[in-house]
């Protein structure tokens, strides 16, 4: 994943993604959201890194430009 973020931030994001993978991050959307909520309530660093991850995902989706020059979403 190339985020363009400083190593100290992207390293934390990798840790969050690794922890989610180890925890068997699957199931319904509601189950996944509950897991993320629980993780963010346990650890301040996890909360910050999850926030960065979500912001980066939003930027990737809403920052895209289609062939017509508009955002397809």
Protein backbone atom coordinates (compact mmCIF):
# COMPACT_ATOMS: atom_id res chain seq x y z
CA UNK A 1 0.00 0.00 0.00
CA UNK A 2 1.47 3.30 -1.06
CA UNK A 3 -0.11 5.99 1.07
CA UNK A 4 2.30 8.89 0.65
CA UNK A 5 2.25 9.20 4.44
CA UNK A 6 5.28 9.60 6.69
CA UNK A 7 6.78 6.24 7.78
CA UNK A 8 5.73 6.73 11.41
CA UNK A 9 2.09 7.07 10.29
CA UNK A 10 2.07 4.40 7.60
CA UNK A 11 3.79 1.98 9.99
CA UNK A 12 0.91 2.42 12.41
CA UNK A 13 -1.59 1.80 9.64
CA UNK A 14 0.17 -1.43 8.73
CA UNK A 15 -0.04 -2.48 12.38
CA UNK A 16 -3.79 -1.84 12.41
CA UNK A 17 -4.29 -3.80 9.20
CA UNK A 18 -2.15 -6.67 10.53
CA UNK A 19 -4.13 -6.73 13.78
CA UNK A 20 -7.41 -6.82 11.86
CA UNK A 21 -6.14 -9.69 9.70
CA UNK A 22 -5.00 -11.64 12.77
CA UNK A 23 -8.39 -11.08 14.41
CA UNK A 24 -10.13 -12.71 11.44
CA UNK A 25 -11.70 -9.48 10.25
CA UNK A 26 -14.65 -10.92 8.38
CA UNK A 27 -18.37 -11.35 8.72
CA UNK A 28 -21.18 -8.94 8.08
CA UNK A 29 -20.62 -5.22 7.71
CA UNK A 30 -22.23 -4.69 11.10
CA UNK A 31 -19.85 -7.19 12.73
CA UNK A 32 -16.83 -5.54 11.12
CA UNK A 33 -17.98 -2.08 12.23
CA UNK A 34 -18.48 -3.33 15.78
CA UNK A 35 -14.96 -4.77 15.81
CA UNK A 36 -13.50 -1.48 14.60
CA UNK A 37 -15.48 0.44 17.20
CA UNK A 38 -14.30 -1.91 19.97
CA UNK A 39 -10.69 -1.67 18.80
CA UNK A 40 -10.82 2.13 18.76
CA UNK A 41 -12.23 2.20 22.30
CA UNK A 42 -9.40 0.06 23.69
CA UNK A 43 -6.33 1.87 22.41
CA UNK A 44 -5.75 5.56 21.65
CA UNK A 45 -3.10 4.76 19.03
CA UNK A 46 -5.50 2.36 17.33
CA UNK A 47 -8.20 5.05 17.34
CA UNK A 48 -5.85 7.56 15.69
CA UNK A 49 -4.61 5.06 13.11
CA UNK A 50 -8.12 3.90 12.28
CA UNK A 51 -9.11 7.53 11.76
CA UNK A 52 -6.20 8.04 9.39
CA UNK A 53 -7.06 4.82 7.57
CA UNK A 54 -10.68 5.89 7.13
CA UNK A 55 -9.70 9.39 6.00
CA UNK A 56 -7.25 7.94 3.48
CA UNK A 57 -9.89 5.53 2.15
CA UNK A 58 -12.37 8.39 1.74
CA UNK A 59 -9.76 10.46 -0.06
CA UNK A 60 -9.01 7.57 -2.43
CA UNK A 61 -12.68 7.06 -3.25
CA UNK A 62 -13.91 10.63 -3.44
CA UNK A 63 -10.70 11.95 -5.00
CA UNK A 64 -10.98 9.70 -8.06
CA UNK A 65 -11.77 11.20 -11.43
CA UNK A 66 -13.49 9.27 -14.20
CA UNK A 67 -12.88 9.55 -17.94
CA UNK A 68 -15.37 12.42 -18.06
CA UNK A 69 -13.40 14.40 -15.47
CA UNK A 70 -15.99 13.83 -12.74
CA UNK A 71 -15.99 11.70 -9.67
CA UNK A 72 -17.85 8.44 -10.48
CA UNK A 73 -19.20 8.16 -6.94
